[in-house]
Amino acid sequence: MLGQEEVRLITLVGPGGSGKTRLALHVAKELVDTFAQGVWLVSLAAARDSDRMLLGIMQILNIKPAPALSAIQSLITHLQDKHLLLLLDNFEQVSDAAPVIGELLAAAPGLKVLVTSRMVLHLYGENEFKVQPLDVPDSSDGPLKTQPASLKFVPESTDYRWRLNWLLLASSCYHQRCSWHGSQRRGSPY
C-alpha cells in the first residue's frame, strides 16, 4: 500500500504482542530502496507527549533545532523536500500527538508514515490495517516450532550464530531508535 502515491499514512493496529512491530520492520526493510532519504524507525516506547516524539524524530534524522523555530517548524523545514518513510513504533504512548503527524504530512508531500499502535490515529487519509494476534498453538497440532505463533520468535535458520545476531539486533532495535538507510543500519540511544 505504501507504494501507492496517494497512500501516505498506514496504522498497524492491534493488541500488544500481536506482531505489529515485526510486520512494520518487515515492510520497512522491503521499502528501504524506494525512498531517496531512506526509512527511519523511531521507537516511542519511552515518549509520553508530542514534544518528546518530535525531539525523538529530530534526533533520529540528525536535525538540530533552530533557535528561532519550534520543534515542529524545524522538522517541517527539514522534511518539506525529502522523500522518506518514518516508522513510528508504539504510537499509543503519545496518542495526543496524532494532529502533529497530520501537520507533518500536510507540510511535507514526500513524507510517508507507518505507525504501530494499539489505537487508530483518526487522521484524514489514514489507512488502518488490523493486526490480529496469532492463535495459541495446541500441542496436538504438531511440534511447537512449526506453529505460526511460535514462528514469530524462531528464525528459520539453524545457524546458531545467525540466531544470536538476530536476537542481538532485535534487542538493540527494542532498546534504541534504529533507522535504515539503504543497507546501512544506524541507531542512537535514547
C-alpha atoms as a PDB file:
ATOM      1  CA  MET A   1       0.000   0.000   0.000  1.00  0.00           C
ATOM      2  CA  LEU A   2       2.796   2.460   0.800  1.00  0.00           C
ATOM      3  CA  GLY A   3       3.970   2.061  -2.791  1.00  0.00           C
ATOM      4  CA  GLN A   4       0.816   3.859  -3.940  1.00  0.00           C
ATOM      5  CA  GLU A   5       1.375   7.592  -4.261  1.00  0.00           C
ATOM      6  CA  GLU A   6      -1.895   8.556  -2.568  1.00  0.00           C
ATOM      7  CA  VAL A   7      -1.243   6.349   0.490  1.00  0.00           C
ATOM      8  CA  ARG A   8       0.816   8.358   2.970  1.00  0.00           C
ATOM      9  CA  LEU A   9      -0.278   7.085   6.381  1.00  0.00           C
ATOM     10  CA  ILE A  10      -0.790   3.490   7.451  1.00  0.00           C
ATOM     11  CA  THR A  11      -1.511   2.484  11.012  1.00  0.00           C
ATOM     12  CA  LEU A  12      -0.941  -1.121  12.035  1.00  0.00           C
ATOM     13  CA  VAL A  13      -3.413  -1.559  14.885  1.00  0.00           C
ATOM     14  CA  GLY A  14      -3.599  -4.443  17.308  1.00  0.00           C
ATOM     15  CA  PRO A  15      -3.083  -5.560  20.879  1.00  0.00           C
ATOM     16  CA  GLY A  16       0.348  -5.759  22.440  1.00  0.00           C
ATOM     17  CA  GLY A  17       2.341  -8.752  21.271  1.00  0.00           C
ATOM     18  CA  SER A  18       0.347  -9.231  18.079  1.00  0.00           C
ATOM     19  CA  GLY A  19       3.355  -8.653  15.815  1.00  0.00           C
ATOM     20  CA  LYS A  20       2.778  -5.047  14.727  1.00  0.00           C
ATOM     21  CA  THR A  21       6.412  -4.049  15.142  1.00  0.00           C
ATOM     22  CA  ARG A  22       7.721  -7.147  13.417  1.00  0.00           C
ATOM     23  CA  LEU A  23       5.348  -6.586  10.484  1.00  0.00           C
ATOM     24  CA  ALA A  24       6.317  -2.894  10.287  1.00  0.00           C
ATOM     25  CA  LEU A  25      10.033  -3.743  10.314  1.00  0.00           C
ATOM     26  CA  HIS A  26       9.479  -6.250   7.510  1.00  0.00           C
ATOM     27  CA  VAL A  27       7.566  -3.666   5.448  1.00  0.00           C
ATOM     28  CA  ALA A  28      10.260  -1.047   6.121  1.00  0.00           C
ATOM     29  CA  LYS A  29      13.017  -3.415   5.052  1.00  0.00           C
ATOM     30  CA  GLU A  30      11.169  -4.184   1.818  1.00  0.00           C
ATOM     31  CA  LEU A  31      10.643  -0.484   1.028  1.00  0.00           C
ATOM     32  CA  VAL A  32      14.001   0.978   2.037  1.00  0.00           C
ATOM     33  CA  ASP A  33      15.226   1.370  -1.554  1.00  0.00           C
ATOM     34  CA  THR A  34      12.068   3.170  -2.700  1.00  0.00           C
ATOM     35  CA  PHE A  35      12.684   6.243  -0.538  1.00  0.00           C
ATOM     36  CA  ALA A  36      15.501   8.590  -1.576  1.00  0.00           C
ATOM     37  CA  GLN A  37      16.223   9.591   2.025  1.00  0.00           C
ATOM     38  CA  GLY A  38      15.535   6.130   3.443  1.00  0.00           C
ATOM     39  CA  VAL A  39      13.350   4.572   6.087  1.00  0.00           C
ATOM     40  CA  TRP A  40      13.699   5.723   9.684  1.00  0.00           C
ATOM     41  CA  LEU A  41      12.480   3.907  12.786  1.00  0.00           C
ATOM     42  CA  VAL A  42      11.525   5.929  15.849  1.00  0.00           C
ATOM     43  CA  SER A  43      10.635   3.956  18.966  1.00  0.00           C
ATOM     44  CA  LEU A  44       8.110   5.878  21.023  1.00  0.00           C
ATOM     45  CA  ALA A  45       8.084   3.417  23.937  1.00  0.00           C
ATOM     46  CA  ALA A  46       9.679   5.984  26.275  1.00  0.00           C
ATOM     47  CA  ALA A  47       7.996   9.099  24.857  1.00  0.00           C
ATOM     48  CA  ARG A  48       4.984  10.443  26.722  1.00  0.00           C
ATOM     49  CA  ASP A  49       3.987  13.547  24.760  1.00  0.00           C
ATOM     50  CA  SER A  50       4.191  15.158  21.337  1.00  0.00           C
ATOM     51  CA  ASP A  51       7.237  17.263  22.262  1.00  0.00           C
ATOM     52  CA  ARG A  52       9.278  14.178  23.130  1.00  0.00           C
ATOM     53  CA  MET A  53       8.037  12.470  19.980  1.00  0.00           C
ATOM     54  CA  LEU A  54       9.174  15.418  17.848  1.00  0.00           C
ATOM     55  CA  LEU A  55      12.549  15.550  19.576  1.00  0.00           C
ATOM     56  CA  GLY A  56      12.915  11.796  19.054  1.00  0.00           C
ATOM     57  CA  ILE A  57      12.209  12.147  15.334  1.00  0.00           C
ATOM     58  CA  MET A  58      14.641  15.050  15.103  1.00  0.00           C
ATOM     59  CA  GLN A  59      17.325  13.054  16.904  1.00  0.00           C
ATOM     60  CA  ILE A  60      16.903  10.066  14.568  1.00  0.00           C
ATOM     61  CA  LEU A  61      17.065  12.329  11.495  1.00  0.00           C
ATOM     62  CA  ASN A  62      20.055  14.254  12.928  1.00  0.00           C
ATOM     63  CA  ILE A  63      18.174  17.557  12.813  1.00  0.00           C
ATOM     64  CA  LYS A  64      19.496  20.292  15.050  1.00  0.00           C
ATOM     65  CA  PRO A  65      16.759  22.507  16.496  1.00  0.00           C
ATOM     66  CA  ALA A  66      16.828  26.010  15.042  1.00  0.00           C
ATOM     67  CA  PRO A  67      16.793  28.574  17.873  1.00  0.00           C
ATOM     68  CA  ALA A  68      14.182  30.757  16.163  1.00  0.00           C
ATOM     69  CA  LEU A  69      11.864  27.831  15.261  1.00  0.00           C
ATOM     70  CA  SER A  70       9.716  25.451  17.260  1.00  0.00           C
ATOM     71  CA  ALA A  71      10.486  21.742  17.063  1.00  0.00           C
ATOM     72  CA  ILE A  72       7.606  21.173  14.632  1.00  0.00           C
ATOM     73  CA  GLN A  73       8.773  24.039  12.387  1.00  0.00           C
ATOM     74  CA  SER A  74      12.366  22.758  12.425  1.00  0.00           C
ATOM     75  CA  LEU A  75      11.121  19.326  11.440  1.00  0.00           C
ATOM     76  CA  ILE A  76       8.835  20.672   8.706  1.00  0.00           C
ATOM     77  CA  THR A  77      11.669  22.773   7.282  1.00  0.00           C
ATOM     78  CA  HIS A  78      13.837  19.660   7.086  1.00  0.00           C
ATOM     79  CA  LEU A  79      11.149  17.303   5.720  1.00  0.00           C
ATOM     80  CA  GLN A  80       9.382  19.533   3.179  1.00  0.00           C
ATOM     81  CA  ASP A  81      11.647  18.492   0.294  1.00  0.00           C
ATOM     82  CA  LYS A  82      12.517  14.949   1.448  1.00  0.00           C
ATOM     83  CA  HIS A  83      11.203  11.592   0.253  1.00  0.00           C
ATOM     84  CA  LEU A  84      11.312   9.267   3.252  1.00  0.00           C
ATOM     85  CA  LEU A  85       9.324   6.858   5.379  1.00  0.00           C
ATOM     86  CA  LEU A  86       9.005   7.343   9.123  1.00  0.00           C
ATOM     87  CA  LEU A  87       8.142   4.215  11.072  1.00  0.00           C
ATOM     88  CA  LEU A  88       6.689   5.338  14.402  1.00  0.00           C
ATOM     89  CA  ASP A  89       6.550   2.380  16.785  1.00  0.00           C
ATOM     90  CA  ASN A  90       4.296   2.278  19.886  1.00  0.00           C
ATOM     91  CA  PHE A  91       2.326   5.390  18.992  1.00  0.00           C
ATOM     92  CA  GLU A  92      -0.232   4.629  21.707  1.00  0.00           C
ATOM     93  CA  GLN A  93       2.325   6.144  24.123  1.00  0.00           C
ATOM     94  CA  VAL A  94       1.775   9.557  22.505  1.00  0.00           C
ATOM     95  CA  SER A  95      -1.763   9.287  21.138  1.00  0.00           C
ATOM     96  CA  ASP A  96      -2.322  13.011  21.758  1.00  0.00           C
ATOM     97  CA  ALA A  97       0.366  13.686  19.122  1.00  0.00           C
ATOM     98  CA  ALA A  98      -1.775  12.471  16.216  1.00  0.00           C
ATOM     99  CA  PRO A  99      -2.538  16.028  14.985  1.00  0.00           C
ATOM    100  CA  VAL A 100       1.212  16.690  14.800  1.00  0.00           C
ATOM    101  CA  ILE A 101       1.573  13.765  12.374  1.00  0.00           C
ATOM    102  CA  GLY A 102      -1.228  15.275  10.304  1.00  0.00           C
ATOM    103  CA  GLU A 103       0.602  18.593  10.268  1.00  0.00           C
ATOM    104  CA  LEU A 104       3.851  16.951   9.153  1.00  0.00           C
ATOM    105  CA  LEU A 105       2.097  15.055   6.359  1.00  0.00           C
ATOM    106  CA  ALA A 106       0.342  18.225   5.163  1.00  0.00           C
ATOM    107  CA  ALA A 107       3.617  20.188   5.050  1.00  0.00           C
ATOM    108  CA  ALA A 108       5.908  17.511   3.605  1.00  0.00           C
ATOM    109  CA  PRO A 109       4.498  15.946   0.422  1.00  0.00           C
ATOM    110  CA  GLY A 110       7.312  13.366   0.158  1.00  0.00           C
ATOM    111  CA  LEU A 111       6.783  12.070   3.687  1.00  0.00           C
ATOM    112  CA  LYS A 112       5.042   8.770   4.361  1.00  0.00           C
ATOM    113  CA  VAL A 113       4.351   7.412   7.835  1.00  0.00           C
ATOM    114  CA  LEU A 114       3.927   3.833   9.012  1.00  0.00           C
ATOM    115  CA  VAL A 115       2.615   3.663  12.582  1.00  0.00           C
ATOM    116  CA  THR A 116       2.274   0.784  15.024  1.00  0.00           C
ATOM    117  CA  SER A 117      -0.292   1.399  17.731  1.00  0.00           C
ATOM    118  CA  ARG A 118      -2.970  -0.151  19.863  1.00  0.00           C
ATOM    119  CA  MET A 119      -5.373   2.506  18.557  1.00  0.00           C
ATOM    120  CA  VAL A 120      -6.032   4.393  15.326  1.00  0.00           C
ATOM    121  CA  LEU A 121      -4.906   7.994  14.939  1.00  0.00           C
ATOM    122  CA  HIS A 122      -8.208   9.238  13.424  1.00  0.00           C
ATOM    123  CA  LEU A 123      -6.441  11.367  10.824  1.00  0.00           C
ATOM    124  CA  TYR A 124      -7.628  12.227   7.338  1.00  0.00           C
ATOM    125  CA  GLY A 125      -6.187   9.764   4.822  1.00  0.00           C
ATOM    126  CA  GLU A 126      -5.236   7.208   7.474  1.00  0.00           C
ATOM    127  CA  ASN A 127      -5.269   3.612   6.276  1.00  0.00           C
ATOM    128  CA  GLU A 128      -5.921   1.217   9.133  1.00  0.00           C
ATOM    129  CA  PHE A 129      -4.584  -2.330   8.994  1.00  0.00           C
ATOM    130  CA  LYS A 130      -5.691  -4.584  11.854  1.00  0.00           C
ATOM    131  CA  VAL A 131      -3.046  -6.987  13.097  1.00  0.00           C
ATOM    132  CA  GLN A 132      -4.677  -9.919  14.852  1.00  0.00           C
ATOM    133  CA  PRO A 133      -2.755 -11.942  17.422  1.00  0.00           C
ATOM    134  CA  LEU A 134      -1.750 -15.414  16.329  1.00  0.00           C
ATOM    135  CA  ASP A 135      -3.653 -18.322  17.847  1.00  0.00           C
ATOM    136  CA  VAL A 136      -2.040 -20.130  20.751  1.00  0.00           C
ATOM    137  CA  PRO A 137      -0.862 -23.467  19.369  1.00  0.00           C
ATOM    138  CA  ASP A 138      -2.445 -26.711  20.504  1.00  0.00           C
ATOM    139  CA  SER A 139       0.068 -29.427  21.333  1.00  0.00           C
ATOM    140  CA  SER A 140      -1.876 -31.844  19.120  1.00  0.00           C
ATOM    141  CA  ASP A 141      -1.098 -29.627  16.094  1.00  0.00           C
ATOM    142  CA  GLY A 142       2.485 -30.870  15.913  1.00  0.00           C
ATOM    143  CA  PRO A 143       5.844 -29.533  17.120  1.00  0.00           C
ATOM    144  CA  LEU A 144       5.647 -26.108  18.684  1.00  0.00           C
ATOM    145  CA  LYS A 145       8.431 -24.762  16.464  1.00  0.00           C
ATOM    146  CA  THR A 146       6.237 -25.274  13.368  1.00  0.00           C
ATOM    147  CA  GLN A 147       3.222 -23.330  14.697  1.00  0.00           C
ATOM    148  CA  PRO A 148       2.571 -19.787  13.361  1.00  0.00           C
ATOM    149  CA  ALA A 149       2.519 -18.213  16.843  1.00  0.00           C
ATOM    150  CA  SER A 150       5.917 -19.628  17.728  1.00  0.00           C
ATOM    151  CA  LEU A 151       7.461 -18.838  14.329  1.00  0.00           C
ATOM    152  CA  LYS A 152       7.266 -15.198  15.374  1.00  0.00           C
ATOM    153  CA  PHE A 153      10.079 -15.974  17.811  1.00  0.00           C
ATOM    154  CA  VAL A 154      12.068 -18.652  15.946  1.00  0.00           C
ATOM    155  CA  PRO A 155      14.224 -17.631  12.985  1.00  0.00           C
ATOM    156  CA  GLU A 156      14.189 -20.090  10.107  1.00  0.00           C
ATOM    157  CA  SER A 157      17.947 -20.625  10.085  1.00  0.00           C
ATOM    158  CA  THR A 158      19.548 -23.396  12.095  1.00  0.00           C
ATOM    159  CA  ASP A 159      22.801 -21.439  12.276  1.00  0.00           C
ATOM    160  CA  TYR A 160      23.052 -20.504  15.955  1.00  0.00           C
ATOM    161  CA  ARG A 161      25.371 -17.587  15.261  1.00  0.00           C
ATOM    162  CA  TRP A 162      22.712 -16.150  12.947  1.00  0.00           C
ATOM    163  CA  ARG A 163      20.092 -16.640  15.657  1.00  0.00           C
ATOM    164  CA  LEU A 164      22.276 -14.863  18.190  1.00  0.00           C
ATOM    165  CA  ASN A 165      22.853 -11.962  15.787  1.00  0.00           C
ATOM    166  CA  TRP A 166      19.117 -11.814  15.100  1.00  0.00           C
ATOM    167  CA  LEU A 167      18.342 -11.672  18.822  1.00  0.00           C
ATOM    168  CA  LEU A 168      21.001  -9.015  19.405  1.00  0.00           C
ATOM    169  CA  LEU A 169      19.607  -6.900  16.554  1.00  0.00           C
ATOM    170  CA  ALA A 170      16.051  -7.321  17.837  1.00  0.00           C
ATOM    171  CA  SER A 171      17.177  -6.345  21.336  1.00  0.00           C
ATOM    172  CA  SER A 172      19.132  -3.381  20.006  1.00  0.00           C
ATOM    173  CA  CYS A 173      16.161  -2.151  17.968  1.00  0.00           C
ATOM    174  CA  TYR A 174      13.938  -2.512  21.009  1.00  0.00           C
ATOM    175  CA  HIS A 175      16.239  -0.543  23.291  1.00  0.00           C
ATOM    176  CA  GLN A 176      17.400   2.038  20.742  1.00  0.00           C
ATOM    177  CA  ARG A 177      15.910   4.067  17.986  1.00  0.00           C
ATOM    178  CA  CYS A 178      17.104   2.342  14.834  1.00  0.00           C
ATOM    179  CA  SER A 179      16.999   3.578  11.305  1.00  0.00           C
ATOM    180  CA  TRP A 180      17.782   2.071   7.964  1.00  0.00           C
ATOM    181  CA  HIS A 181      19.219   3.969   5.061  1.00  0.00           C
ATOM    182  CA  GLY A 182      19.985   1.632   2.177  1.00  0.00           C
ATOM    183  CA  SER A 183      21.730  -1.407   3.585  1.00  0.00           C
ATOM    184  CA  GLN A 184      23.279   0.605   6.423  1.00  0.00           C
ATOM    185  CA  ARG A 185      21.864   0.288   9.961  1.00  0.00           C
ATOM    186  CA  ARG A 186      22.211   3.187  12.339  1.00  0.00           C
ATOM    187  CA  GLY A 187      20.964   3.659  15.838  1.00  0.00           C
ATOM    188  CA  SER A 188      21.218   6.137  18.625  1.00  0.00           C
ATOM    189  CA  PRO A 189      20.371   5.637  22.279  1.00  0.00           C
ATOM    190  CA  TYR A 190      17.501   7.457  23.982  1.00  0.00           C
END
